[in-house]
Amino acid sequence: MDYLGLSYFGVFLGAGLCLIGGAYGISKLASAALEGAARQPESAGALQTMMIIPAAMIEGLGLLALVSVLLAALALNAGVPVAASSSAPAATSAH
């Protein structure tokens, strides 16, 4: 229980790196397609069609990272004791 904060940090750091990598991949993909369309304007439609599938795969990677972070955070939360359900005995008054 002492290192629970570090485990949250690790999970979110890993997901952040994954999302930054996905954003970088999409930016490189869009940059290359835009440069290709600028060099040959008649091939812009074909470039856009070829760009859609890799962009969807990169977006899927980002979605996978977010889902894995959610699952990891929920799994980490399962081990945290809740204050309302503590096992301390209730105070009763014996008069």
Protein backbone atom coordinates (compact mmCIF):
# COMPACT_ATOMS: atom_id res chain seq x y z
CA MET A 1 0.00 0.00 0.00
CA ASP A 2 3.00 2.29 0.38
CA TYR A 3 3.68 2.43 -3.35
CA LEU A 4 0.14 2.85 -4.64
CA GLY A 5 0.83 6.40 -5.81
CA LEU A 6 3.86 5.22 -7.78
CA SER A 7 1.79 2.56 -9.49
CA TYR A 8 -0.75 5.19 -10.57
CA PHE A 9 2.12 7.33 -11.81
CA GLY A 10 3.54 4.44 -13.83
CA VAL A 11 0.19 3.57 -15.40
CA PHE A 12 -0.56 7.13 -16.44
CA LEU A 13 2.99 7.79 -17.61
CA GLY A 14 2.89 4.73 -19.85
CA ALA A 15 -0.47 5.73 -21.31
CA GLY A 16 0.70 9.28 -21.85
CA LEU A 17 3.74 8.08 -23.76
CA CYS A 18 1.53 5.83 -25.86
CA LEU A 19 -0.82 8.69 -26.68
CA ILE A 20 2.06 11.04 -27.49
CA GLY A 21 3.47 8.40 -29.83
CA GLY A 22 0.08 8.02 -31.52
CA ALA A 23 -0.25 11.76 -31.97
CA TYR A 24 3.25 11.91 -33.44
CA GLY A 25 2.40 9.07 -35.83
CA ILE A 26 -0.75 10.76 -37.06
CA SER A 27 1.08 14.06 -37.51
CA LYS A 28 3.81 12.37 -39.59
CA LEU A 29 1.16 10.55 -41.63
CA ALA A 30 -0.81 13.71 -42.33
CA SER A 31 2.37 15.64 -43.11
CA ALA A 32 3.51 13.06 -45.66
CA ALA A 33 0.07 12.90 -47.29
CA LEU A 34 -0.16 16.69 -47.48
CA GLU A 35 3.31 16.91 -48.99
CA GLY A 36 2.44 14.23 -51.54
CA ALA A 37 -0.77 16.05 -52.48
CA ALA A 38 1.17 19.30 -52.87
CA ARG A 39 3.66 17.63 -55.22
CA GLN A 40 0.99 15.84 -57.29
CA PRO A 41 -2.46 17.41 -56.80
CA GLU A 42 -4.15 14.82 -59.03
CA SER A 43 -3.29 12.04 -56.55
CA ALA A 44 -4.87 13.76 -53.52
CA GLY A 45 -7.89 11.45 -53.49
CA ALA A 46 -5.78 8.31 -53.58
CA LEU A 47 -3.51 9.65 -50.85
CA GLN A 48 -6.48 10.43 -48.63
CA THR A 49 -7.85 6.93 -49.12
CA MET A 50 -4.50 5.34 -48.28
CA MET A 51 -4.16 7.58 -45.22
CA ILE A 52 -7.46 6.56 -43.60
CA ILE A 53 -6.52 2.96 -42.64
CA PRO A 54 -3.21 3.78 -40.87
CA ALA A 55 -4.84 6.75 -39.14
CA ALA A 56 -7.60 4.48 -37.83
CA MET A 57 -5.02 1.98 -36.59
CA ILE A 58 -3.09 4.70 -34.77
CA GLU A 59 -6.32 6.00 -33.21
CA GLY A 60 -7.06 2.43 -32.13
CA LEU A 61 -3.71 2.38 -30.34
CA GLY A 62 -4.71 5.53 -28.44
CA LEU A 63 -8.06 4.05 -27.52
CA LEU A 64 -6.37 0.85 -26.36
CA ALA A 65 -4.05 2.91 -24.14
CA LEU A 66 -6.99 4.74 -22.57
CA VAL A 67 -8.91 1.52 -21.94
CA SER A 68 -5.87 -0.15 -20.38
CA VAL A 69 -5.37 2.87 -18.10
CA LEU A 70 -8.99 2.71 -17.03
CA LEU A 71 -8.74 -1.01 -16.28
CA ALA A 72 -5.46 -0.59 -14.40
CA ALA A 73 -6.80 2.32 -12.35
CA LEU A 74 -9.92 0.36 -11.45
CA ALA A 75 -7.80 -2.66 -10.49
CA LEU A 76 -5.60 -0.46 -8.30
CA ASN A 77 -8.67 1.09 -6.69
CA ALA A 78 -9.97 -2.35 -5.75
CA GLY A 79 -7.10 -2.75 -3.29
CA VAL A 80 -7.70 0.56 -1.52
CA PRO A 81 -9.74 0.28 1.69
CA VAL A 82 -12.76 2.53 1.87
CA ALA A 83 -13.21 4.61 5.02
CA ALA A 84 -16.96 4.03 5.23
CA SER A 85 -16.59 0.27 5.35
CA SER A 86 -13.92 0.11 8.02
CA SER A 87 -14.04 -2.84 10.35
CA ALA A 88 -14.05 -0.69 13.47
CA PRO A 89 -16.87 -1.64 15.83
CA ALA A 90 -19.76 0.76 16.08
CA ALA A 91 -19.98 2.77 19.26
CA THR A 92 -22.91 1.63 21.38
CA SER A 93 -24.05 3.24 24.55
CA ALA A 94 -24.70 0.89 27.48
CA HIS A 95 -26.78 2.81 30.00
